[in-house]
Protein backbone atom coordinates (compact mmCIF):
# COMPACT_ATOMS: atom_id res chain seq x y z
CA MET A 1 -25.76 47.30 -41.52
CA THR A 2 -28.94 47.60 -39.46
CA LYS A 3 -29.53 51.34 -39.61
CA ASN A 4 -33.01 50.91 -41.02
CA ILE A 5 -34.33 48.68 -38.21
CA ILE A 6 -36.33 51.49 -36.60
CA GLY A 7 -38.69 53.15 -39.10
CA VAL A 8 -38.91 56.89 -39.43
CA ALA A 9 -42.68 56.85 -38.98
CA LEU A 10 -44.67 55.90 -35.91
CA LEU A 11 -47.43 54.21 -37.85
CA PHE A 12 -45.86 52.80 -40.98
CA PHE A 13 -48.52 50.75 -42.76
CA LEU A 14 -48.13 48.01 -45.32
CA PHE A 15 -51.30 48.53 -47.36
CA THR A 16 -50.69 46.53 -50.50
CA MET A 17 -52.77 43.87 -52.19
CA GLY A 18 -52.81 40.68 -50.14
CA ILE A 19 -51.01 42.20 -47.10
CA SER A 20 -53.11 42.74 -43.96
CA ALA A 21 -50.33 43.17 -41.38
CA GLN A 22 -49.52 46.62 -40.01
CA THR A 23 -46.09 47.35 -38.57
CA LEU A 24 -45.62 50.07 -35.98
CA ALA A 25 -42.13 51.15 -34.97
CA SER A 26 -41.22 54.07 -32.75
CA LYS A 27 -39.47 55.44 -29.69
CA VAL A 28 -41.12 56.58 -26.45
CA VAL A 29 -39.55 59.58 -24.69
CA ASP A 30 -40.23 61.93 -21.77
CA LYS A 31 -42.01 65.05 -23.01
CA LYS A 32 -40.05 67.35 -20.67
CA THR A 33 -36.55 65.87 -20.79
CA ASN A 34 -36.54 64.11 -24.20
CA LYS A 35 -34.96 61.09 -22.48
CA PRO A 36 -36.06 57.61 -23.61
CA ILE A 37 -38.53 55.76 -21.39
CA PRO A 38 -37.53 52.10 -20.96
CA TYR A 39 -40.05 49.36 -20.17
CA ALA A 40 -43.08 51.41 -21.28
CA THR A 41 -46.12 49.24 -22.04
CA ILE A 42 -47.59 49.16 -25.55
CA GLN A 43 -51.07 47.73 -24.94
CA LEU A 44 -52.60 45.91 -27.92
CA SER A 45 -55.63 44.37 -26.22
CA GLU A 46 -56.80 43.50 -22.73
CA ASN A 47 -54.31 40.67 -22.27
CA GLN A 48 -51.76 41.31 -25.01
CA GLY A 49 -49.00 43.84 -25.40
CA ILE A 50 -45.28 44.45 -25.70
CA ILE A 51 -42.75 46.65 -23.94
CA THR A 52 -40.10 49.18 -24.97
CA ASN A 53 -36.46 48.19 -24.64
CA GLU A 54 -33.85 49.98 -22.52
CA GLU A 55 -33.54 52.63 -25.26
CA GLY A 56 -37.28 53.32 -25.29
CA LYS A 57 -37.77 51.66 -28.70
CA PHE A 58 -40.43 49.22 -29.82
CA SER A 59 -41.87 47.68 -32.94
CA VAL A 60 -45.03 45.64 -33.27
CA THR A 61 -46.81 43.86 -36.09
CA LEU A 62 -50.61 43.94 -35.97
CA ASP A 63 -52.28 41.14 -37.87
CA ASP A 64 -56.00 41.46 -38.55
CA ASN A 65 -56.37 37.79 -37.71
CA SER A 66 -54.70 38.22 -34.32
CA PHE A 67 -55.68 41.63 -33.00
CA LYS A 68 -59.12 43.22 -33.02
CA THR A 69 -58.28 46.79 -32.05
CA ASP A 70 -58.42 50.24 -33.57
CA SER A 71 -56.06 51.89 -31.06
CA ILE A 72 -52.97 51.17 -29.05
CA TYR A 73 -52.25 52.59 -25.61
CA ILE A 74 -48.82 53.61 -24.32
CA SER A 75 -48.24 53.87 -20.58
CA SER A 76 -45.34 53.95 -18.18
CA MET A 77 -44.93 54.40 -14.46
CA GLY A 78 -45.33 58.06 -13.54
CA TYR A 79 -46.64 59.17 -16.95
CA GLU A 80 -50.01 59.99 -18.45
CA LYS A 81 -51.47 57.13 -20.46
CA MET A 82 -51.69 57.91 -24.19
CA GLY A 83 -53.87 56.36 -26.88
CA ILE A 84 -53.10 56.42 -30.61
CA ALA A 85 -55.54 55.46 -33.33
CA ILE A 86 -54.11 52.88 -35.69
CA ASN A 87 -55.65 54.55 -38.73
CA LYS A 88 -53.73 57.77 -38.14
CA THR A 89 -50.13 58.58 -39.01
CA ALA A 90 -48.02 60.16 -36.28
CA ASP A 91 -44.46 61.30 -35.71
CA SER A 92 -41.71 58.73 -35.21
CA ILE A 93 -41.38 59.69 -31.55
CA ILE A 94 -44.10 59.32 -28.92
CA TYR A 95 -43.96 61.87 -26.11
CA LEU A 96 -45.37 60.91 -22.71
CA ALA A 97 -46.13 63.64 -20.17
CA PRO A 98 -45.37 63.11 -16.47
CA LYS A 99 -48.49 62.50 -14.40
CA ALA A 100 -49.27 64.65 -11.37
CA ILE A 101 -49.73 62.78 -8.10
CA GLU A 102 -52.91 63.36 -6.11
CA LEU A 103 -51.87 62.35 -2.61
CA LYS A 104 -55.42 62.04 -1.31
CA SER A 105 -56.10 59.23 -3.79
CA VAL A 106 -53.28 56.94 -2.76
CA PHE A 107 -54.66 55.76 0.54
CA VAL A 108 -57.11 52.89 0.90
CA SER A 109 -58.48 54.26 4.18
CA ASN A 110 -58.44 57.42 6.24
CA LYS A 111 -55.62 55.98 8.29
CA LYS A 112 -52.12 56.43 6.91
CA LEU A 113 -50.34 53.08 7.00
CA THR A 114 -46.84 52.76 8.42
CA ILE A 115 -44.11 51.17 6.31
CA ASP A 116 -44.22 48.07 8.53
CA GLU A 117 -47.96 47.73 7.96
CA ILE A 118 -47.51 48.05 4.18
CA ILE A 119 -44.85 45.31 4.07
CA GLU A 120 -46.98 43.11 6.33
CA ASN A 121 -49.89 43.49 3.91
CA VAL A 122 -47.58 42.61 0.99
CA GLU A 123 -46.52 39.40 2.74
CA ASP A 124 -50.05 38.44 3.75
CA ARG A 125 -51.41 38.75 0.19
CA LEU A 126 -48.73 36.96 -1.82
CA GLU A 127 -50.86 33.87 -2.51
CA GLN A 128 -53.85 36.05 -3.33
CA ASN A 129 -51.93 38.32 -5.71
CA TYR A 130 -49.64 35.98 -7.68
CA HIS A 131 -49.99 32.82 -9.75
CA PHE A 132 -48.80 29.60 -8.14
CA ASP A 133 -50.74 27.36 -10.53
CA MET A 134 -50.14 26.38 -14.15
CA THR A 135 -50.25 28.96 -16.94
CA GLN A 136 -49.49 29.21 -20.63
CA LYS A 137 -47.30 32.14 -21.68
CA ARG A 138 -46.40 33.37 -25.16
CA LEU A 139 -43.01 35.00 -24.67
CA PHE A 140 -39.83 36.23 -26.29
CA PHE A 141 -36.57 35.32 -24.57
CA ARG A 142 -33.20 36.92 -25.34
CA GLN A 143 -29.97 35.82 -23.68
CA SER A 144 -26.77 37.83 -24.17
CA GLU A 145 -23.32 36.58 -23.17
CA PHE A 146 -20.27 38.84 -22.92
CA ASN A 147 -16.85 37.35 -22.20
CA SER A 148 -13.65 39.29 -21.75
CA LEU A 149 -10.11 38.10 -21.25
CA ASN A 150 -8.91 40.86 -18.93
CA LYS A 151 -5.45 39.42 -18.48
CA LEU A 152 -3.40 36.60 -20.00
CA ASP A 153 0.29 36.23 -19.27
CA ILE A 154 1.83 32.83 -20.06
CA GLU A 155 5.51 32.74 -19.20
CA PHE A 156 7.41 29.99 -20.97
CA LYS A 157 9.80 28.22 -18.59
CA LYS A 158 10.92 24.93 -20.15
CA SER A 159 10.10 22.34 -22.83
CA THR A 160 11.91 19.23 -23.94
CA ILE A 161 9.67 18.92 -27.04
CA GLU A 162 11.02 21.09 -29.83
CA GLU A 163 7.61 22.01 -31.27
CA LEU A 164 6.24 23.04 -27.86
CA ASN A 165 8.36 26.15 -27.72
CA LYS A 166 7.95 29.78 -26.72
CA GLN A 167 6.85 30.74 -30.24
CA LEU A 168 3.95 28.25 -30.10
CA ILE A 169 2.91 29.38 -26.62
CA ASP A 170 2.97 33.02 -27.78
CA SER A 171 0.86 32.15 -30.81
CA VAL A 172 -1.66 30.40 -28.54
CA THR A 173 -1.82 33.53 -26.40
CA ARG A 174 -2.48 35.72 -29.44
CA LEU A 175 -5.11 33.35 -30.83
CA ILE A 176 -7.37 33.37 -27.78
CA PRO A 177 -10.02 36.10 -28.33
CA ARG A 178 -9.94 38.98 -25.83
CA LYS A 179 -13.66 39.68 -26.18
CA SER A 180 -16.59 37.64 -27.45
CA GLU A 181 -20.35 38.08 -27.65
CA TYR A 182 -23.08 35.51 -28.01
CA TYR A 183 -26.81 36.18 -28.40
CA THR A 184 -29.77 33.83 -28.60
CA GLU A 185 -33.33 34.91 -29.33
CA THR A 186 -36.30 32.58 -28.87
CA LEU A 187 -40.03 33.03 -29.43
CA CYS A 188 -41.95 30.28 -27.68
CA ASP A 189 -44.95 29.12 -25.70
CA TYR A 190 -44.10 28.28 -22.09
CA TYR A 191 -46.39 25.83 -20.32
CA GLY A 192 -45.96 25.16 -16.65
CA GLY A 193 -46.21 25.71 -12.94
CA PRO A 194 -44.14 24.94 -9.83
CA GLU A 195 -43.66 21.24 -10.62
CA LYS A 196 -44.01 20.82 -14.41
CA ARG A 197 -42.91 22.77 -17.45
CA LYS A 198 -42.66 22.47 -21.24
CA ILE A 199 -41.79 24.89 -24.03
CA ASN A 200 -42.77 24.91 -27.67
CA ILE A 201 -40.27 26.95 -29.69
CA ILE A 202 -41.81 28.82 -32.59
CA LYS A 203 -38.64 30.41 -33.95
CA ALA A 204 -35.09 30.97 -32.73
CA ALA A 205 -31.78 32.51 -33.78
CA GLU A 206 -28.24 32.64 -32.45
CA LEU A 207 -25.73 35.36 -33.19
CA TYR A 208 -22.01 34.90 -32.61
CA ASP A 209 -18.61 34.70 -34.27
CA LYS A 210 -17.96 31.14 -35.44
CA SER A 211 -14.30 31.89 -36.08
CA ASN A 212 -13.56 31.97 -32.34
CA SER A 213 -14.45 28.30 -31.90
CA GLY A 214 -13.00 27.40 -35.29
CA SER A 215 -9.58 28.86 -34.47
CA MET A 216 -9.45 27.02 -31.16
CA GLU A 217 -10.41 23.75 -32.84
CA ALA A 218 -7.56 24.15 -35.34
CA LEU A 219 -5.16 24.85 -32.47
CA SER A 220 -6.40 21.77 -30.62
CA LYS A 221 -5.70 19.55 -33.63
CA ARG A 222 -2.21 21.01 -33.98
CA LEU A 223 -1.39 20.34 -30.33
CA GLU A 224 -2.82 16.83 -30.59
CA LYS A 225 -0.54 16.12 -33.55
CA ILE A 226 2.53 17.35 -31.66
CA PHE A 227 1.53 15.31 -28.65
CA LYS A 228 1.04 12.07 -30.58
CA GLU A 229 4.38 12.42 -32.39
CA ASN A 230 6.44 13.02 -29.25
CA VAL A 231 4.83 11.13 -26.39
CA LYS A 232 4.87 7.35 -25.98
CA PRO A 233 1.40 5.72 -25.79
CA ASP A 234 2.34 3.63 -22.72
CA SER A 235 3.55 6.68 -20.78
CA TYR A 236 1.65 8.56 -18.12
CA LEU A 237 1.54 12.31 -17.56
CA LYS A 238 2.05 13.95 -14.20
CA ILE A 239 0.33 17.31 -14.19
CA LYS A 240 1.44 19.61 -11.38
CA SER A 241 0.19 23.04 -10.42
CA GLY A 242 1.83 24.31 -7.25
CA ILE A 243 1.71 21.61 -4.58
CA PHE A 244 -1.02 19.66 -6.36
CA GLY A 245 -0.46 16.88 -8.86
CA THR A 246 -2.37 14.21 -10.72
CA LYS A 247 -1.55 11.35 -13.08
CA VAL A 248 -3.15 10.72 -16.47
CA GLN A 249 -2.47 7.67 -18.61
CA VAL A 250 -1.33 8.82 -22.06
CA ASP A 251 -2.99 5.99 -23.96
CA SER A 252 -6.37 7.15 -22.63
CA ILE A 253 -5.70 10.62 -23.99
CA LEU A 254 -4.71 9.14 -27.35
CA GLU A 255 -7.99 7.16 -27.37
CA ASN A 256 -6.31 3.75 -27.44
CA ASN A 257 -8.58 2.17 -24.86
CA GLU A 258 -12.29 1.38 -24.46
CA GLU A 259 -12.86 3.94 -21.70
CA ALA A 260 -11.57 6.81 -23.84
CA THR A 261 -13.55 5.61 -26.85
CA ALA A 262 -16.71 5.49 -24.76
CA ALA A 263 -16.08 9.02 -23.53
CA LYS A 264 -15.59 10.23 -27.09
CA ASP A 265 -18.80 8.53 -28.20
CA GLU A 266 -20.68 10.22 -25.37
CA ILE A 267 -19.41 13.63 -26.47
CA ASP A 268 -20.37 12.89 -30.07
CA ASP A 269 -23.84 11.83 -28.94
CA LYS A 270 -24.29 15.14 -27.16
CA LYS A 271 -23.31 16.99 -30.30
CA GLU A 272 -26.00 15.09 -32.17
CA ASP A 273 -28.61 15.72 -29.48
CA LYS A 274 -31.00 18.04 -31.33
CA SER A 275 -33.00 18.73 -28.17
CA HIS A 276 -30.07 20.37 -26.37
CA PHE A 277 -31.10 23.89 -27.41
CA LEU A 278 -34.68 23.38 -26.22
CA LYS A 279 -33.58 21.78 -22.94
CA TYR A 280 -31.32 24.69 -22.11
CA ARG A 281 -34.02 27.29 -22.92
CA ARG A 282 -36.50 25.37 -20.78
CA SER A 283 -34.18 25.06 -17.78
CA THR A 284 -33.15 28.74 -17.96
CA LEU A 285 -36.75 29.96 -18.14
CA LYS A 286 -37.59 27.65 -15.23
CA TYR A 287 -34.81 29.27 -13.20
CA LEU A 288 -35.97 32.79 -14.06
CA PHE A 289 -39.67 32.20 -13.31
CA GLU A 290 -39.08 30.16 -10.16
CA ASN A 291 -36.64 32.61 -8.58
CA MET A 292 -39.16 35.41 -7.99
CA PHE A 293 -39.38 37.21 -4.63
CA PHE A 294 -42.70 35.48 -3.81
CA GLN A 295 -41.39 31.96 -4.48
CA GLU A 296 -39.80 29.69 -1.89
CA ASP A 297 -36.19 30.55 -0.95
CA PRO A 298 -35.49 33.20 -3.65
CA THR A 299 -32.06 34.70 -4.22
CA VAL A 300 -33.42 38.24 -3.84
CA ASN A 301 -35.05 37.63 -0.47
CA PHE A 302 -36.28 41.06 0.69
CA ILE A 303 -39.80 39.67 1.28
CA SER A 304 -39.11 36.11 2.45
CA LYS A 305 -36.61 37.54 4.97
CA SER A 306 -38.05 41.03 5.33
CA GLY A 307 -36.86 41.29 8.93
CA ARG A 308 -33.29 41.53 7.65
CA TYR A 309 -34.03 44.61 5.54
CA THR A 310 -34.83 48.26 6.17
CA PHE A 311 -37.77 49.68 4.19
CA GLU A 312 -38.41 53.36 3.51
CA LEU A 313 -41.49 54.91 1.90
CA VAL A 314 -40.03 57.61 -0.35
CA ASP A 315 -42.81 58.68 -2.74
CA TYR A 316 -45.97 57.82 -4.67
CA THR A 317 -46.65 57.41 -8.37
CA TYR A 318 -49.02 55.78 -10.87
CA MET A 319 -48.52 52.51 -12.71
CA ASP A 320 -51.11 50.95 -15.05
CA ASP A 321 -53.70 53.48 -13.78
CA SER A 322 -53.06 52.34 -10.19
CA SER A 323 -51.56 54.44 -7.43
CA VAL A 324 -48.44 52.84 -5.94
CA TYR A 325 -46.13 53.32 -3.01
CA ILE A 326 -42.45 53.77 -3.95
CA ILE A 327 -40.44 51.94 -1.29
CA ASN A 328 -36.67 51.57 -1.06
CA PHE A 329 -35.14 48.56 0.67
CA SER A 330 -31.60 47.98 1.92
CA PRO A 331 -29.95 45.27 4.03
CA LYS A 332 -29.63 45.72 7.77
CA ARG A 333 -26.69 43.41 8.22
CA LYS A 334 -25.46 40.56 6.07
CA GLU A 335 -28.00 40.43 3.25
CA ASP A 336 -26.89 41.07 -0.31
CA PHE A 337 -29.35 43.38 -2.09
CA LYS A 338 -30.77 46.86 -2.21
CA GLY A 339 -33.51 48.15 -4.48
CA THR A 340 -36.93 49.70 -4.98
CA ILE A 341 -40.39 48.15 -4.99
CA TYR A 342 -43.61 49.67 -6.32
CA VAL A 343 -46.59 48.49 -4.26
CA ASN A 344 -50.23 48.87 -5.33
CA THR A 345 -52.01 50.94 -2.65
CA GLU A 346 -55.24 48.94 -2.98
CA ASP A 347 -54.26 45.27 -3.10
CA PHE A 348 -50.62 45.57 -1.89
CA ALA A 349 -49.20 43.68 -4.85
CA ILE A 350 -45.62 44.48 -5.82
CA MET A 351 -46.05 45.64 -9.42
CA ARG A 352 -42.37 46.26 -10.09
CA VAL A 353 -39.06 45.55 -8.39
CA ASP A 354 -35.59 46.90 -9.23
CA TYR A 355 -32.67 45.34 -7.37
CA SER A 356 -28.87 45.11 -7.35
CA ASN A 357 -26.28 43.48 -5.16
CA VAL A 358 -24.44 45.61 -2.60
CA LYS A 359 -21.47 43.26 -2.18
CA LEU A 360 -19.84 40.22 -3.71
CA LEU A 361 -22.21 37.27 -3.63
CA ARG A 362 -19.34 34.81 -3.75
CA ASN A 363 -15.66 35.45 -3.21
CA PHE A 364 -13.27 32.49 -3.34
CA LYS A 365 -9.50 32.62 -3.40
CA LEU A 366 -7.12 29.75 -2.70
CA LEU A 367 -3.67 28.78 -3.96
CA GLY A 368 -3.70 31.03 -7.01
CA LEU A 369 -7.34 30.38 -8.01
CA SER A 370 -10.01 33.05 -7.52
CA PHE A 371 -13.71 33.40 -8.28
CA LYS A 372 -15.93 36.41 -7.63
CA GLU A 373 -19.65 36.71 -8.34
CA ASN A 374 -19.63 40.49 -8.54
CA LEU A 375 -22.85 41.39 -10.38
CA TYR A 376 -26.48 40.43 -9.81
CA LYS A 377 -29.12 42.98 -10.71
CA GLY A 378 -32.43 43.17 -12.48
CA THR A 379 -35.93 44.50 -13.02
CA THR A 380 -39.22 42.60 -12.99
CA ILE A 381 -42.54 44.19 -13.97
CA PHE A 382 -45.91 42.55 -13.35
CA THR A 383 -49.33 43.12 -14.88
CA LYS A 384 -52.77 42.36 -13.45
CA GLY A 385 -54.91 39.89 -15.35
CA ALA A 386 -58.66 39.45 -15.65
CA ASP A 387 -58.52 37.02 -12.70
CA ASN A 388 -57.03 39.83 -10.52
CA LYS A 389 -53.74 37.95 -10.21
CA TYR A 390 -50.40 39.38 -11.30
CA THR A 391 -48.13 37.77 -13.85
CA VAL A 392 -44.73 38.71 -15.27
CA LYS A 393 -44.86 41.23 -18.10
CA TYR A 394 -41.13 41.91 -18.38
CA LEU A 395 -38.09 40.41 -16.71
CA GLU A 396 -34.45 41.45 -16.96
CA LYS A 397 -31.62 39.88 -15.00
CA VAL A 398 -27.88 40.54 -15.32
CA LYS A 399 -25.26 38.31 -13.70
CA GLY A 400 -21.49 38.73 -13.77
CA ASN A 401 -18.42 37.00 -12.40
CA LEU A 402 -14.63 37.14 -12.49
CA PHE A 403 -12.32 34.13 -12.60
CA GLY A 404 -8.57 34.24 -12.07
CA VAL A 405 -5.60 31.85 -12.25
CA ASP A 406 -2.11 32.76 -11.07
CA ARG A 407 0.02 29.68 -10.61
CA PRO A 408 2.68 27.48 -12.23
CA LEU A 409 1.82 24.54 -14.47
CA LYS A 410 4.03 21.54 -15.24
CA VAL A 411 3.24 18.62 -17.53
CA ILE A 412 5.75 15.76 -17.11
CA GLU A 413 5.79 12.58 -19.20
CA LYS A 414 6.97 9.48 -17.34
CA ASN A 415 7.32 5.92 -18.58
CA LYS A 416 8.14 2.88 -16.45
CA HIS A 417 8.63 0.61 -19.49
CA VAL A 418 11.89 2.20 -20.69
CA LYS A 419 15.43 1.78 -19.43
CA GLY A 420 17.01 4.57 -17.45
CA ARG A 421 15.15 7.64 -16.23
CA ARG A 422 11.39 7.38 -16.15
CA LYS A 423 11.08 11.08 -16.92
CA GLN A 424 10.79 11.49 -20.70
CA ASN A 425 9.54 15.03 -21.43
CA GLU A 426 8.54 18.15 -19.54
CA LEU A 427 6.65 21.39 -20.23
CA ALA A 428 6.73 24.13 -17.60
CA LEU A 429 4.71 27.36 -17.72
CA GLU A 430 3.68 30.18 -15.41
CA ILE A 431 0.06 31.28 -15.99
CA ASP A 432 -1.53 34.53 -14.86
CA ALA A 433 -5.02 34.98 -16.33
CA GLY A 434 -8.21 36.89 -15.52
CA ILE A 435 -11.56 36.23 -17.23
CA GLY A 436 -14.80 38.18 -16.90
CA ASN A 437 -18.30 37.02 -17.87
CA VAL A 438 -21.60 38.92 -17.95
CA THR A 439 -24.89 37.21 -18.83
CA LYS A 440 -28.06 39.19 -19.48
CA PHE A 441 -31.51 37.59 -19.59
CA GLU A 442 -34.54 39.40 -21.03
CA VAL A 443 -38.06 37.99 -21.16
CA VAL A 444 -41.14 39.81 -22.43
CA VAL A 445 -44.47 38.04 -21.97
CA PHE A 446 -47.14 38.91 -24.52
CA ASP A 447 -49.99 36.82 -23.18
CA THR A 448 -50.72 34.70 -20.09
CA GLN A 449 -53.64 32.30 -19.70
CA GLN A 450 -54.74 29.72 -17.15
CA LEU A 451 -53.67 26.20 -18.16
CA PRO A 452 -55.80 23.18 -17.22
CA GLU A 453 -53.90 20.00 -16.41
CA SER A 454 -55.37 18.25 -19.47
CA ASP A 455 -54.13 21.01 -21.80
CA TYR A 456 -50.68 20.76 -20.27
CA GLU A 457 -50.59 16.99 -20.83
CA ASN A 458 -51.67 17.46 -24.46
CA SER A 459 -49.08 20.17 -25.19
CA LYS A 460 -46.04 19.15 -27.25
CA GLU A 461 -42.39 20.17 -27.35
CA ASN A 462 -40.70 20.44 -30.75
CA LYS A 463 -37.41 18.99 -29.53
CA SER A 464 -35.80 18.80 -32.97
CA ILE A 465 -35.86 22.55 -33.62
CA LYS A 466 -32.51 24.27 -34.03
CA PRO A 467 -31.78 28.02 -33.99
CA LYS A 468 -30.76 29.75 -37.18
CA TYR A 469 -27.18 30.98 -37.13
CA LEU A 470 -26.70 34.68 -37.97
CA SER A 471 -23.30 36.29 -38.46
CA LYS A 472 -24.89 39.74 -38.14
CA TYR A 473 -28.22 41.03 -36.94
CA ASP A 474 -30.92 40.61 -39.58
CA PRO A 475 -34.01 42.81 -39.03
CA GLN A 476 -35.93 40.69 -41.53
CA PHE A 477 -35.57 37.52 -39.46
CA TRP A 478 -38.28 38.56 -36.99
CA LYS A 479 -40.49 40.34 -39.53
CA GLY A 480 -44.12 39.59 -38.75
CA TYR A 481 -43.36 38.58 -35.14
CA ASN A 482 -43.59 40.65 -31.98
CA ILE A 483 -40.37 40.77 -29.97
CA ILE A 484 -38.58 43.23 -27.72
CA GLU A 485 -36.50 45.56 -29.88
CA PRO A 486 -32.76 44.79 -29.91
CA ASN A 487 -30.47 47.41 -28.41
CA ALA A 488 -27.73 49.21 -30.32
CA ALA A 489 -25.05 46.64 -29.41
CA ILE A 490 -27.00 43.79 -30.99
CA LYS A 491 -27.85 45.79 -34.09
CA GLN A 492 -24.21 46.70 -34.60
CA PHE A 493 -22.86 43.18 -34.08
CA THR A 494 -21.29 41.68 -37.17
CA VAL A 495 -18.61 39.16 -37.98
CA THR A 496 -15.74 40.51 -40.05
CA PRO A 497 -15.61 39.07 -43.61
CA GLU A 498 -12.26 37.36 -42.89
CA ALA A 499 -13.78 35.57 -39.92
CA GLU A 500 -16.87 34.22 -41.71
């Protein structure tokens, strides 16, 4: 399917008449261990570059009109920097050698700083080291959604409607997918700062199985038909789950009144809203960029509330030709995260942070309903610009939660306009379900520039753009564009022919 995504040559050139682009594709590994090196930097020019994915792979297209360079440089934290001439052919694997640490070079003065003094310097220089003003970023954004139905037991108790029987309930149970994946990939320009933001999408794709939603839509129509044929329009439904109950007028469900019609029209309008995709990308990128450790009230708060954490200087290394302190942090008491920061020994900027939660961030359980936010981890890598301020080069964040339902459900039709018993029909079930969700965000920034207010005001959003639907990964879709290489799971994703 996508076995030929990664080329077998490091420098595979397209030298044919009329073609000036050069495509490089390779894998970066540790020279001693042969293990892949994730998040290695592939430097194309002073302010432009890409990064290897979690498997150490990268591909880049060099266009003569875009890049004026005769070499690329590969570097990663703790490794010797390596340059490769573009006009030479090399092996398909790039080997980086570990870099020896010269301890005498990692101190900015003759006095060895304590860990408290290092963290104090980090806090004091946040405004000096990071951008708080408006910038323009060319970036690639990938969002991956993984849903799993870990448990689904629906016990049929009672039904007075012949079609709503155990066989139908069992078929519903079988129809609901146990696992689903959804990927979106977006190349865009991001304009903004703390208060304002816009994005201009250049190209986008979404990858998922349409049959999942299609099957559920068919089921919904079938249930609607059964409902309309067996329930009186002037009835009301009493829906009970445990000790809780609510009433719903049936004619509103059957769309026989103005309120229901208005609600339906609103839903249809949202479906026709072509800017929905752009709005969601914009809001998600806003959340990712504004939830950094140096911003106000961040989720991962090891700097803003440093007094609640323990810091330990564990080693030294090199990153982007700069010596850095390797510092572990862990919560003293009730905080939620542990991790590692890499602090420049000269200007005390955090150049990289790896973090993960040490406990559940949220844990709710009441009357058969449960919710757990059990996963929150990530990596953010920064690069220093010509203005001596640091901007995001790569960002990865993974969030996960678990949702559970274990309680009875009754749907009772009542009608006060008929003679005799008001109770007309009843459906009783016992539901025990557990659902898991994991969302992964990846952002690689190729270029960051200062953005004057006038340029921001003149920038435009292409709100009508829609992503192209792909039923399987297509390596040709991004040909000619620089992105972060997809991992094996994305490359192997495909929709079965029966489902298409």
